[in-house]
Amino acid sequence: MGKKKGRHHNVSGFVSVFNFIESSFVDYICKKKTFNGYTEEWLDFIVENRNEESTKQIHDFDIVEGPVANDKVQSKLQYYIRGDISKKDFLEDLTYHEETHQICFCTLASLQVLKYVDRELTKYIELISENVLNALVKDKKIDVNLASELFYSSKMFRNIADKDTGLYKQDWKEIYEIFSKESPSIK
């Protein structure tokens, strides 16, 4: 999609990776609209937002979440918009379509809940995590689910993921040793 949009605007397309803070998906932080499946409400919203003649913003949601009107759905959507098929037939056709999912961050406020993913940092975090989890399973004789729960919810993991601490540059064995000492529940 990045390449396609880039060609359309005569620029190089690229993809950036972000994590989002799921707890921000509450109305007092960000106004959110969720569509649970291909419904009449979803269809009306999609059609209204695909109106190329409109110059005004159609909605005031910070985040919109629900099924994607991807290429397969888009072709059917054009039939509906032209009046070639009814709303009922359009939605009935979609009952056999595999639903895909998207989250659209529509406002500046919603972008504040995103955090850019540094791929180099991510690579180090993944290597450390894999080794620490394997060591926990082997040394502490716990299953991988418990090891994952303990490590990923720990202060140590948050500190590794924080580039400013520099912990991601440490050898995984040092991280494991510190984590083991700081985590009384796994001794």
N, C-alpha and C. Protein backbone atom coordinates (compact mmCIF):
# COMPACT_ATOMS: atom_id res chain seq x y z
N MET A 1 0.83 -1.18 0.00
CA MET A 1 0.00 0.00 0.00
C MET A 1 0.88 1.25 0.00
N GLY A 2 2.00 1.20 0.75
CA GLY A 2 2.91 2.34 0.77
C GLY A 2 3.44 2.66 -0.61
N LYS A 3 3.83 1.62 -1.37
CA LYS A 3 4.32 1.83 -2.73
C LYS A 3 3.23 2.36 -3.64
N LYS A 4 2.03 1.80 -3.50
CA LYS A 4 0.90 2.22 -4.34
C LYS A 4 0.56 3.69 -4.09
N LYS A 5 0.45 4.07 -2.83
CA LYS A 5 0.15 5.47 -2.50
C LYS A 5 1.29 6.39 -2.92
N GLY A 6 2.52 5.92 -2.79
CA GLY A 6 3.67 6.71 -3.21
C GLY A 6 3.62 7.00 -4.70
N ARG A 7 3.34 5.95 -5.50
CA ARG A 7 3.23 6.15 -6.96
C ARG A 7 2.11 7.13 -7.28
N HIS A 8 0.99 7.00 -6.59
CA HIS A 8 -0.16 7.87 -6.83
C HIS A 8 0.19 9.34 -6.59
N HIS A 9 1.01 9.61 -5.58
CA HIS A 9 1.39 10.98 -5.23
C HIS A 9 2.77 11.37 -5.77
N ASN A 10 3.34 10.47 -6.59
CA ASN A 10 4.63 10.71 -7.22
C ASN A 10 5.75 10.94 -6.20
N VAL A 11 5.75 10.14 -5.14
CA VAL A 11 6.79 10.16 -4.12
C VAL A 11 7.15 8.72 -3.78
N SER A 12 8.22 8.54 -3.03
CA SER A 12 8.57 7.20 -2.57
C SER A 12 7.68 6.83 -1.40
N GLY A 13 7.07 5.67 -1.48
CA GLY A 13 6.26 5.20 -0.36
C GLY A 13 7.13 4.48 0.65
N PHE A 14 6.76 4.47 1.89
CA PHE A 14 7.49 3.74 2.91
C PHE A 14 6.54 3.35 4.02
N VAL A 15 6.98 2.42 4.83
CA VAL A 15 6.17 1.92 5.94
C VAL A 15 6.90 2.19 7.24
N SER A 16 6.21 2.78 8.18
CA SER A 16 6.74 2.98 9.53
C SER A 16 5.96 2.06 10.46
N VAL A 17 6.62 1.56 11.48
CA VAL A 17 5.98 0.64 12.42
C VAL A 17 5.80 1.36 13.75
N PHE A 18 4.60 1.22 14.32
CA PHE A 18 4.27 1.84 15.60
C PHE A 18 3.60 0.82 16.50
N ASN A 19 3.77 0.98 17.79
CA ASN A 19 2.97 0.28 18.78
C ASN A 19 1.94 1.27 19.30
N PHE A 20 0.84 0.78 19.78
CA PHE A 20 -0.13 1.68 20.37
C PHE A 20 -0.47 1.22 21.77
N ILE A 21 -0.89 2.17 22.57
CA ILE A 21 -1.23 1.91 23.96
C ILE A 21 -2.72 1.59 23.99
N GLU A 22 -3.02 0.30 24.13
CA GLU A 22 -4.40 -0.14 24.02
C GLU A 22 -5.30 0.46 25.10
N SER A 23 -4.73 0.79 26.25
CA SER A 23 -5.54 1.39 27.31
C SER A 23 -6.05 2.77 26.90
N SER A 24 -5.49 3.33 25.85
CA SER A 24 -5.97 4.63 25.36
C SER A 24 -7.29 4.48 24.60
N PHE A 25 -7.69 3.24 24.37
CA PHE A 25 -8.94 3.01 23.67
C PHE A 25 -10.13 3.14 24.62
N VAL A 26 -10.14 4.18 25.37
CA VAL A 26 -11.27 4.47 26.24
C VAL A 26 -11.72 5.89 25.92
N ASP A 27 -13.01 6.12 25.99
CA ASP A 27 -13.58 7.38 25.52
C ASP A 27 -13.05 8.62 26.23
N TYR A 28 -12.62 8.50 27.48
CA TYR A 28 -12.16 9.72 28.14
C TYR A 28 -10.78 10.14 27.65
N ILE A 29 -10.05 9.26 26.97
CA ILE A 29 -8.76 9.63 26.39
C ILE A 29 -8.92 9.92 24.89
N CYS A 30 -9.51 8.99 24.19
CA CYS A 30 -9.75 9.15 22.76
C CYS A 30 -11.17 8.70 22.45
N LYS A 31 -11.87 9.51 21.68
CA LYS A 31 -13.23 9.15 21.27
C LYS A 31 -13.11 8.08 20.18
N LYS A 32 -13.68 6.91 20.46
CA LYS A 32 -13.48 5.74 19.61
C LYS A 32 -14.81 5.22 19.09
N LYS A 33 -14.80 4.76 17.86
CA LYS A 33 -15.95 4.08 17.27
C LYS A 33 -15.50 2.69 16.84
N THR A 34 -16.21 1.67 17.31
CA THR A 34 -15.89 0.30 16.97
C THR A 34 -17.04 -0.31 16.20
N PHE A 35 -16.73 -0.92 15.07
CA PHE A 35 -17.71 -1.67 14.29
C PHE A 35 -17.41 -3.14 14.47
N ASN A 36 -18.39 -3.88 14.97
CA ASN A 36 -18.22 -5.31 15.20
C ASN A 36 -18.83 -6.07 14.04
N GLY A 37 -18.10 -6.12 12.96
CA GLY A 37 -18.55 -6.87 11.79
C GLY A 37 -19.13 -5.97 10.72
N TYR A 38 -19.47 -6.62 9.62
CA TYR A 38 -20.07 -5.93 8.48
C TYR A 38 -21.56 -5.71 8.78
N THR A 39 -21.86 -4.53 9.26
CA THR A 39 -23.23 -4.19 9.64
C THR A 39 -23.74 -3.04 8.78
N GLU A 40 -25.03 -2.75 8.87
CA GLU A 40 -25.60 -1.60 8.15
C GLU A 40 -24.92 -0.31 8.60
N GLU A 41 -24.68 -0.18 9.90
CA GLU A 41 -24.03 1.02 10.43
C GLU A 41 -22.63 1.17 9.84
N TRP A 42 -21.88 0.05 9.77
CA TRP A 42 -20.55 0.06 9.18
C TRP A 42 -20.62 0.50 7.72
N LEU A 43 -21.55 -0.08 6.97
CA LEU A 43 -21.68 0.24 5.55
C LEU A 43 -22.01 1.71 5.34
N ASP A 44 -22.96 2.23 6.12
CA ASP A 44 -23.32 3.66 6.01
C ASP A 44 -22.11 4.55 6.29
N PHE A 45 -21.33 4.18 7.30
CA PHE A 45 -20.15 4.94 7.67
C PHE A 45 -19.12 4.92 6.54
N ILE A 46 -18.87 3.75 5.97
CA ILE A 46 -17.90 3.60 4.88
C ILE A 46 -18.33 4.43 3.68
N VAL A 47 -19.57 4.30 3.29
CA VAL A 47 -20.07 5.04 2.12
C VAL A 47 -19.95 6.54 2.34
N GLU A 48 -20.35 6.99 3.51
CA GLU A 48 -20.28 8.41 3.82
C GLU A 48 -18.84 8.93 3.76
N ASN A 49 -17.90 8.13 4.24
CA ASN A 49 -16.50 8.54 4.25
C ASN A 49 -15.80 8.34 2.90
N ARG A 50 -16.40 7.61 1.99
CA ARG A 50 -15.84 7.43 0.65
C ARG A 50 -16.41 8.44 -0.34
N ASN A 51 -17.24 9.33 0.12
CA ASN A 51 -17.83 10.36 -0.74
C ASN A 51 -16.75 11.37 -1.10
N GLU A 52 -16.23 11.25 -2.31
CA GLU A 52 -15.13 12.11 -2.75
C GLU A 52 -15.55 13.56 -2.96
N GLU A 53 -16.83 13.80 -3.07
CA GLU A 53 -17.30 15.17 -3.30
C GLU A 53 -17.35 15.98 -2.01
N SER A 54 -17.38 15.30 -0.88
CA SER A 54 -17.46 15.99 0.40
C SER A 54 -16.10 16.60 0.76
N THR A 55 -16.11 17.83 1.21
CA THR A 55 -14.86 18.49 1.61
C THR A 55 -14.77 18.62 3.12
N LYS A 56 -15.81 18.24 3.82
CA LYS A 56 -15.80 18.36 5.28
C LYS A 56 -15.47 17.01 5.92
N GLN A 57 -14.97 17.09 7.14
CA GLN A 57 -14.70 15.85 7.88
C GLN A 57 -16.04 15.24 8.24
N ILE A 58 -16.17 13.95 8.03
CA ILE A 58 -17.45 13.25 8.18
C ILE A 58 -17.76 12.89 9.63
N HIS A 59 -16.73 12.65 10.44
CA HIS A 59 -16.96 12.20 11.81
C HIS A 59 -15.99 12.91 12.75
N ASP A 60 -16.24 12.76 14.05
CA ASP A 60 -15.36 13.39 15.05
C ASP A 60 -14.67 12.36 15.94
N PHE A 61 -14.53 11.14 15.46
CA PHE A 61 -13.86 10.09 16.24
C PHE A 61 -12.35 10.24 16.12
N ASP A 62 -11.66 9.97 17.23
CA ASP A 62 -10.20 9.94 17.21
C ASP A 62 -9.71 8.63 16.60
N ILE A 63 -10.40 7.54 16.94
CA ILE A 63 -10.01 6.21 16.50
C ILE A 63 -11.25 5.48 15.98
N VAL A 64 -11.10 4.86 14.82
CA VAL A 64 -12.18 4.03 14.27
C VAL A 64 -11.59 2.64 14.06
N GLU A 65 -12.31 1.64 14.57
CA GLU A 65 -11.82 0.27 14.52
C GLU A 65 -12.91 -0.64 13.97
N GLY A 66 -12.51 -1.56 13.11
CA GLY A 66 -13.47 -2.52 12.59
C GLY A 66 -13.00 -3.16 11.30
N PRO A 67 -13.94 -3.78 10.55
CA PRO A 67 -13.58 -4.47 9.32
C PRO A 67 -13.01 -3.52 8.26
N VAL A 68 -12.13 -4.05 7.45
CA VAL A 68 -11.51 -3.28 6.37
C VAL A 68 -12.36 -3.40 5.12
N ALA A 69 -12.53 -2.29 4.43
CA ALA A 69 -13.14 -2.32 3.11
C ALA A 69 -11.99 -2.47 2.11
N ASN A 70 -11.41 -3.68 2.07
CA ASN A 70 -10.24 -3.92 1.23
C ASN A 70 -10.63 -4.08 -0.24
N ASP A 71 -9.68 -4.50 -1.07
CA ASP A 71 -9.94 -4.58 -2.51
C ASP A 71 -11.13 -5.47 -2.85
N LYS A 72 -11.26 -6.60 -2.17
CA LYS A 72 -12.37 -7.51 -2.47
C LYS A 72 -13.71 -6.87 -2.11
N VAL A 73 -13.74 -6.19 -0.99
CA VAL A 73 -14.97 -5.52 -0.55
C VAL A 73 -15.22 -4.28 -1.42
N GLN A 74 -14.15 -3.61 -1.80
CA GLN A 74 -14.25 -2.35 -2.55
C GLN A 74 -15.01 -2.54 -3.86
N SER A 75 -14.74 -3.62 -4.58
CA SER A 75 -15.43 -3.83 -5.85
C SER A 75 -16.94 -3.99 -5.63
N LYS A 76 -17.32 -4.72 -4.60
CA LYS A 76 -18.75 -4.88 -4.28
C LYS A 76 -19.34 -3.56 -3.80
N LEU A 77 -18.53 -2.79 -3.08
CA LEU A 77 -18.99 -1.49 -2.57
C LEU A 77 -19.38 -0.57 -3.72
N GLN A 78 -18.61 -0.60 -4.80
CA GLN A 78 -18.91 0.24 -5.95
C GLN A 78 -20.26 -0.14 -6.57
N TYR A 79 -20.58 -1.43 -6.60
CA TYR A 79 -21.89 -1.87 -7.10
C TYR A 79 -23.01 -1.30 -6.22
N TYR A 80 -22.79 -1.34 -4.92
CA TYR A 80 -23.79 -0.81 -3.99
C TYR A 80 -23.97 0.70 -4.17
N ILE A 81 -22.84 1.42 -4.23
CA ILE A 81 -22.90 2.89 -4.36
C ILE A 81 -23.61 3.29 -5.66
N ARG A 82 -23.36 2.55 -6.74
CA ARG A 82 -24.02 2.85 -8.03
C ARG A 82 -25.48 2.44 -8.03
N GLY A 83 -25.90 1.67 -7.03
CA GLY A 83 -27.29 1.22 -6.97
C GLY A 83 -27.54 -0.08 -7.71
N ASP A 84 -26.46 -0.79 -8.07
CA ASP A 84 -26.60 -2.06 -8.80
C ASP A 84 -27.04 -3.20 -7.89
N ILE A 85 -26.74 -3.09 -6.58
CA ILE A 85 -27.21 -4.09 -5.62
C ILE A 85 -27.75 -3.37 -4.39
N SER A 86 -28.63 -4.04 -3.68
CA SER A 86 -29.25 -3.44 -2.49
C SER A 86 -28.30 -3.57 -1.29
N LYS A 87 -28.60 -2.80 -0.26
CA LYS A 87 -27.83 -2.87 0.98
C LYS A 87 -27.89 -4.29 1.55
N LYS A 88 -29.10 -4.86 1.52
CA LYS A 88 -29.29 -6.22 2.05
C LYS A 88 -28.42 -7.22 1.30
N ASP A 89 -28.42 -7.15 -0.04
CA ASP A 89 -27.62 -8.08 -0.84
C ASP A 89 -26.13 -7.86 -0.62
N PHE A 90 -25.73 -6.61 -0.52
CA PHE A 90 -24.31 -6.29 -0.28
C PHE A 90 -23.85 -6.93 1.02
N LEU A 91 -24.59 -6.70 2.09
CA LEU A 91 -24.21 -7.23 3.40
C LEU A 91 -24.31 -8.76 3.42
N GLU A 92 -25.29 -9.30 2.72
CA GLU A 92 -25.42 -10.76 2.66
C GLU A 92 -24.22 -11.38 1.95
N ASP A 93 -23.74 -10.75 0.88
CA ASP A 93 -22.55 -11.24 0.18
C ASP A 93 -21.33 -11.25 1.11
N LEU A 94 -21.26 -10.29 2.00
CA LEU A 94 -20.10 -10.18 2.89
C LEU A 94 -20.11 -11.23 3.99
N THR A 95 -21.24 -11.90 4.21
CA THR A 95 -21.26 -12.94 5.24
C THR A 95 -20.32 -14.09 4.88
N TYR A 96 -19.98 -14.22 3.60
CA TYR A 96 -19.09 -15.28 3.15
C TYR A 96 -17.66 -14.78 2.95
N HIS A 97 -17.46 -13.52 3.21
CA HIS A 97 -16.15 -12.90 3.02
C HIS A 97 -15.37 -12.95 4.33
N GLU A 98 -14.09 -13.35 4.25
CA GLU A 98 -13.27 -13.37 5.46
C GLU A 98 -13.03 -11.94 5.93
N GLU A 99 -13.45 -11.67 7.14
CA GLU A 99 -13.35 -10.31 7.69
C GLU A 99 -11.91 -10.00 8.09
N THR A 100 -11.45 -8.84 7.67
CA THR A 100 -10.15 -8.35 8.09
C THR A 100 -10.37 -7.20 9.06
N HIS A 101 -9.33 -6.77 9.73
CA HIS A 101 -9.49 -5.82 10.83
C HIS A 101 -8.53 -4.65 10.66
N GLN A 102 -8.99 -3.46 10.98
CA GLN A 102 -8.12 -2.29 10.93
C GLN A 102 -8.43 -1.35 12.09
N ILE A 103 -7.42 -0.56 12.41
CA ILE A 103 -7.57 0.51 13.39
C ILE A 103 -7.09 1.77 12.69
N CYS A 104 -7.95 2.76 12.62
CA CYS A 104 -7.62 4.01 11.96
C CYS A 104 -7.45 5.11 13.01
N PHE A 105 -6.28 5.72 13.02
CA PHE A 105 -5.98 6.82 13.94
C PHE A 105 -6.25 8.11 13.16
N CYS A 106 -7.33 8.79 13.51
CA CYS A 106 -7.87 9.86 12.67
C CYS A 106 -7.47 11.27 13.08
N THR A 107 -7.00 11.46 14.29
CA THR A 107 -6.73 12.81 14.78
C THR A 107 -5.35 12.90 15.42
N LEU A 108 -4.94 14.12 15.66
CA LEU A 108 -3.68 14.35 16.37
C LEU A 108 -3.71 13.70 17.75
N ALA A 109 -4.85 13.79 18.42
CA ALA A 109 -4.98 13.19 19.76
C ALA A 109 -4.72 11.68 19.70
N SER A 110 -5.25 11.02 18.66
CA SER A 110 -5.06 9.57 18.57
C SER A 110 -3.61 9.21 18.25
N LEU A 111 -2.92 10.08 17.55
CA LEU A 111 -1.52 9.80 17.23
C LEU A 111 -0.62 9.86 18.46
N GLN A 112 -1.12 10.52 19.51
CA GLN A 112 -0.33 10.61 20.74
C GLN A 112 -0.25 9.28 21.47
N VAL A 113 -1.14 8.33 21.14
CA VAL A 113 -1.11 7.02 21.79
C VAL A 113 -0.20 6.04 21.04
N LEU A 114 0.41 6.51 19.95
CA LEU A 114 1.31 5.66 19.18
C LEU A 114 2.76 5.88 19.61
N LYS A 115 3.54 4.85 19.52
CA LYS A 115 4.96 4.96 19.82
C LYS A 115 5.73 4.32 18.67
N TYR A 116 6.63 5.11 18.08
CA TYR A 116 7.43 4.63 16.96
C TYR A 116 8.27 3.43 17.38
N VAL A 117 8.30 2.42 16.54
CA VAL A 117 9.07 1.22 16.83
C VAL A 117 10.43 1.34 16.14
N ASP A 118 11.46 1.36 16.96
CA ASP A 118 12.83 1.39 16.48
C ASP A 118 13.21 -0.05 16.15
N ARG A 119 13.38 -0.36 14.88
CA ARG A 119 13.62 -1.75 14.46
C ARG A 119 14.93 -2.31 15.05
N GLU A 120 15.94 -1.50 15.16
CA GLU A 120 17.19 -1.98 15.74
C GLU A 120 16.98 -2.35 17.20
N LEU A 121 16.30 -1.48 17.94
CA LEU A 121 15.99 -1.76 19.34
C LEU A 121 15.14 -3.02 19.44
N THR A 122 14.15 -3.15 18.58
CA THR A 122 13.27 -4.31 18.60
C THR A 122 14.06 -5.60 18.40
N LYS A 123 15.02 -5.57 17.49
CA LYS A 123 15.85 -6.76 17.24
C LYS A 123 16.58 -7.18 18.51
N TYR A 124 17.17 -6.22 19.21
CA TYR A 124 17.89 -6.53 20.46
C TYR A 124 16.93 -7.06 21.53
N ILE A 125 15.79 -6.42 21.66
CA ILE A 125 14.80 -6.85 22.66
C ILE A 125 14.36 -8.28 22.40
N GLU A 126 14.10 -8.60 21.14
CA GLU A 126 13.65 -9.96 20.80
C GLU A 126 14.73 -11.00 21.12
N LEU A 127 15.98 -10.68 20.81
CA LEU A 127 17.07 -11.63 21.11
C LEU A 127 17.23 -11.83 22.61
N ILE A 128 17.23 -10.75 23.36
CA ILE A 128 17.34 -10.86 24.82
C ILE A 128 16.17 -11.67 25.37
N SER A 129 14.95 -11.31 24.94
CA SER A 129 13.75 -11.96 25.46
C SER A 129 13.76 -13.46 25.19
N GLU A 130 14.11 -13.84 23.98
CA GLU A 130 14.12 -15.26 23.63
C GLU A 130 15.08 -16.03 24.53
N ASN A 131 16.28 -15.49 24.73
CA ASN A 131 17.27 -16.17 25.57
C ASN A 131 16.85 -16.20 27.04
N VAL A 132 16.30 -15.10 27.53
CA VAL A 132 15.86 -15.05 28.93
C VAL A 132 14.73 -16.05 29.15
N LEU A 133 13.77 -16.10 28.24
CA LEU A 133 12.65 -17.03 28.39
C LEU A 133 13.13 -18.48 28.37
N ASN A 134 14.02 -18.80 27.45
CA ASN A 134 14.57 -20.17 27.41
C ASN A 134 15.29 -20.52 28.70
N ALA A 135 16.06 -19.59 29.24
CA ALA A 135 16.77 -19.83 30.49
C ALA A 135 15.80 -20.00 31.66
N LEU A 136 14.76 -19.19 31.69
CA LEU A 136 13.75 -19.32 32.76
C LEU A 136 13.10 -20.69 32.73
N VAL A 137 12.73 -21.13 31.56
CA VAL A 137 12.08 -22.44 31.41
C VAL A 137 13.03 -23.54 31.87
N LYS A 138 14.26 -23.46 31.45
CA LYS A 138 15.25 -24.50 31.78
C LYS A 138 15.66 -24.45 33.25
N ASP A 139 16.07 -23.28 33.73
CA ASP A 139 16.64 -23.17 35.08
C ASP A 139 15.58 -23.21 36.19
N LYS A 140 14.47 -22.56 35.96
CA LYS A 140 13.44 -22.45 37.00
C LYS A 140 12.36 -23.51 36.88
N LYS A 141 12.46 -24.30 35.80
CA LYS A 141 11.51 -25.40 35.57
C LYS A 141 10.06 -24.91 35.58
N ILE A 142 9.83 -23.85 34.82
CA ILE A 142 8.47 -23.33 34.65
C ILE A 142 8.13 -23.40 33.17
N ASP A 143 6.83 -23.39 32.86
CA ASP A 143 6.47 -23.47 31.44
C ASP A 143 6.66 -22.11 30.76
N VAL A 144 6.69 -22.13 29.46
CA VAL A 144 6.99 -20.93 28.69
C VAL A 144 5.91 -19.85 28.87
N ASN A 145 4.67 -20.25 29.09
CA ASN A 145 3.60 -19.25 29.30
C ASN A 145 3.83 -18.46 30.58
N LEU A 146 4.17 -19.16 31.64
CA LEU A 146 4.45 -18.49 32.91
C LEU A 146 5.71 -17.63 32.78
N ALA A 147 6.73 -18.17 32.14
CA ALA A 147 7.96 -17.41 31.94
C ALA A 147 7.67 -16.13 31.16
N SER A 148 6.87 -16.22 30.12
CA SER A 148 6.51 -15.05 29.30
C SER A 148 5.74 -14.03 30.13
N GLU A 149 4.77 -14.53 30.89
CA GLU A 149 3.96 -13.63 31.72
C GLU A 149 4.83 -12.88 32.72
N LEU A 150 5.72 -13.60 33.39
CA LEU A 150 6.59 -12.98 34.38
C LEU A 150 7.55 -11.97 33.76
N PHE A 151 8.18 -12.36 32.65
CA PHE A 151 9.19 -11.48 32.06
C PHE A 151 8.57 -10.27 31.37
N TYR A 152 7.57 -10.49 30.54
CA TYR A 152 7.01 -9.38 29.78
C TYR A 152 6.23 -8.39 30.63
N SER A 153 5.81 -8.79 31.80
CA SER A 153 5.10 -7.85 32.68
C SER A 153 6.03 -7.22 33.72
N SER A 154 7.32 -7.52 33.61
CA SER A 154 8.26 -7.05 34.63
C SER A 154 8.79 -5.64 34.35
N LYS A 155 9.28 -5.03 35.41
CA LYS A 155 9.95 -3.74 35.31
C LYS A 155 11.21 -3.87 34.45
N MET A 156 11.88 -5.00 34.57
CA MET A 156 13.09 -5.25 33.80
C MET A 156 12.79 -5.16 32.30
N PHE A 157 11.71 -5.80 31.87
CA PHE A 157 11.39 -5.77 30.44
C PHE A 157 11.07 -4.34 29.99
N ARG A 158 10.31 -3.61 30.79
CA ARG A 158 10.01 -2.20 30.45
C ARG A 158 11.30 -1.40 30.32
N ASN A 159 12.25 -1.67 31.21
CA ASN A 159 13.53 -0.96 31.15
C ASN A 159 14.36 -1.34 29.92
N ILE A 160 14.30 -2.61 29.54
CA ILE A 160 15.01 -3.03 28.32
C ILE A 160 14.40 -2.34 27.11
N ALA A 161 13.09 -2.25 27.08
CA ALA A 161 12.39 -1.64 25.95
C ALA A 161 12.54 -0.12 25.90
N ASP A 162 13.02 0.46 26.98
CA ASP A 162 13.25 1.91 27.02
C ASP A 162 14.67 2.17 26.53
N LYS A 163 14.78 2.71 25.34
CA LYS A 163 16.09 2.92 24.71
C LYS A 163 17.02 3.75 25.58
N ASP A 164 16.46 4.67 26.35
CA ASP A 164 17.27 5.57 27.17
C ASP A 164 18.06 4.85 28.25
N THR A 165 17.60 3.69 28.70
CA THR A 165 18.32 2.97 29.76
C THR A 165 19.59 2.30 29.23
N GLY A 166 19.60 2.00 27.94
CA GLY A 166 20.75 1.32 27.35
C GLY A 166 20.83 -0.16 27.69
N LEU A 167 19.84 -0.68 28.45
CA LEU A 167 19.88 -2.09 28.85
C LEU A 167 19.82 -3.04 27.65
N TYR A 168 19.22 -2.60 26.57
CA TYR A 168 19.11 -3.47 25.40
C TYR A 168 20.49 -3.82 24.83
N LYS A 169 21.51 -3.07 25.21
CA LYS A 169 22.88 -3.32 24.73
C LYS A 169 23.61 -4.34 25.60
N GLN A 170 23.03 -4.67 26.76
CA GLN A 170 23.67 -5.61 27.69
C GLN A 170 23.55 -7.04 27.17
N ASP A 171 24.46 -7.87 27.60
CA ASP A 171 24.39 -9.29 27.29
C ASP A 171 23.15 -9.88 27.97
N TRP A 172 22.47 -10.77 27.30
CA TRP A 172 21.23 -11.33 27.85
C TRP A 172 21.48 -12.03 29.19
N LYS A 173 22.66 -12.60 29.38
CA LYS A 173 22.96 -13.31 30.63
C LYS A 173 22.96 -12.35 31.82
N GLU A 174 23.48 -11.13 31.60
CA GLU A 174 23.44 -10.12 32.66
C GLU A 174 22.00 -9.74 32.98
N ILE A 175 21.19 -9.57 31.95
CA ILE A 175 19.77 -9.23 32.13
C ILE A 175 19.08 -10.35 32.90
N TYR A 176 19.35 -11.59 32.51
CA TYR A 176 18.75 -12.74 33.17
C TYR A 176 19.12 -12.81 34.65
N GLU A 177 20.38 -12.58 34.94
CA GLU A 177 20.86 -12.63 36.32
C GLU A 177 20.16 -11.55 37.17
N ILE A 178 20.12 -10.34 36.66
CA ILE A 178 19.46 -9.24 37.39
C ILE A 178 17.98 -9.55 37.56
N PHE A 179 17.34 -9.99 36.49
CA PHE A 179 15.91 -10.30 36.54
C PHE A 179 15.63 -11.39 37.57
N SER A 180 16.44 -12.43 37.59
CA SER A 180 16.25 -13.53 38.55
C SER A 180 16.35 -13.05 39.99
N LYS A 181 17.29 -12.15 40.26
CA LYS A 181 17.46 -11.62 41.61
C LYS A 181 16.31 -10.71 42.02
N GLU A 182 15.79 -9.96 41.06
CA GLU A 182 14.73 -8.99 41.35
C GLU A 182 13.33 -9.60 41.36
N SER A 183 13.20 -10.85 40.95
CA SER A 183 11.89 -11.49 40.83
C SER A 183 11.76 -12.64 41.82
N PRO A 184 11.30 -12.35 43.02
CA PRO A 184 11.21 -13.40 44.05
C PRO A 184 10.24 -14.51 43.69
N SER A 185 9.28 -14.24 42.84
CA SER A 185 8.28 -15.27 42.52
C SER A 185 8.82 -16.40 41.66
N ILE A 186 10.05 -16.27 41.15
CA ILE A 186 10.58 -17.34 40.31
C ILE A 186 11.80 -18.02 40.91
N LYS A 187 12.11 -17.74 42.16
CA LYS A 187 13.30 -18.34 42.78
C LYS A 187 13.05 -19.76 43.17
